Amino acid sequence: MKRAIEVVLEPCPECGADPEDDHAAWCLYESEELDEVEEAN
């Protein structure tokens, strides 16, 4: 039997955008997150 994993989608902590929506033009939250991932590689 498969177990469902509940994914909780939270709004962006910087601009408040919902996960399905685009971030505000001034929001750098995703770019910072991408920078951290690139630095780890």
Protein backbone atom coordinates (compact mmCIF):
# COMPACT_ATOMS: atom_id res chain seq x y z
CA MET A 1 0.00 0.00 0.00
CA LYS A 2 1.36 3.41 -0.95
CA ARG A 3 1.49 6.16 1.60
CA ALA A 4 0.61 9.65 0.51
CA ILE A 5 3.10 12.33 1.44
CA GLU A 6 1.33 15.52 2.33
CA VAL A 7 3.11 18.52 0.85
CA VAL A 8 2.37 21.80 2.55
CA LEU A 9 2.78 24.71 0.17
CA GLU A 10 3.59 27.90 1.98
CA PRO A 11 3.72 31.43 0.58
CA CYS A 12 7.09 33.00 -0.10
CA PRO A 13 8.54 34.34 3.17
CA GLU A 14 9.88 37.45 1.40
CA CYS A 15 7.04 38.68 -0.83
CA GLY A 16 4.11 36.50 0.25
CA ALA A 17 3.46 35.00 -3.20
CA ASP A 18 1.60 31.73 -3.30
CA PRO A 19 3.62 28.78 -4.69
CA GLU A 20 1.57 28.79 -7.92
CA ASP A 21 1.99 32.55 -8.41
CA ASP A 22 4.94 34.58 -9.66
CA HIS A 23 7.05 36.33 -7.06
CA ALA A 24 7.07 40.11 -6.86
CA ALA A 25 9.56 41.82 -9.19
CA TRP A 26 11.67 42.91 -6.20
CA CYS A 27 11.64 39.49 -4.53
CA LEU A 28 15.06 37.81 -4.44
CA TYR A 29 14.04 34.77 -2.38
CA GLU A 30 14.33 32.23 -5.22
CA SER A 31 17.57 33.70 -6.57
CA GLU A 32 19.18 33.43 -3.11
CA GLU A 33 17.96 29.84 -2.84
CA LEU A 34 19.46 29.04 -6.26
CA ASP A 35 22.77 30.66 -5.28
CA GLU A 36 22.99 28.42 -2.19
CA VAL A 37 22.38 25.32 -4.29
CA GLU A 38 25.05 26.36 -6.82
CA GLU A 39 27.58 27.02 -4.04
CA ALA A 40 26.96 23.55 -2.56
CA ASN A 41 27.87 21.85 -5.88
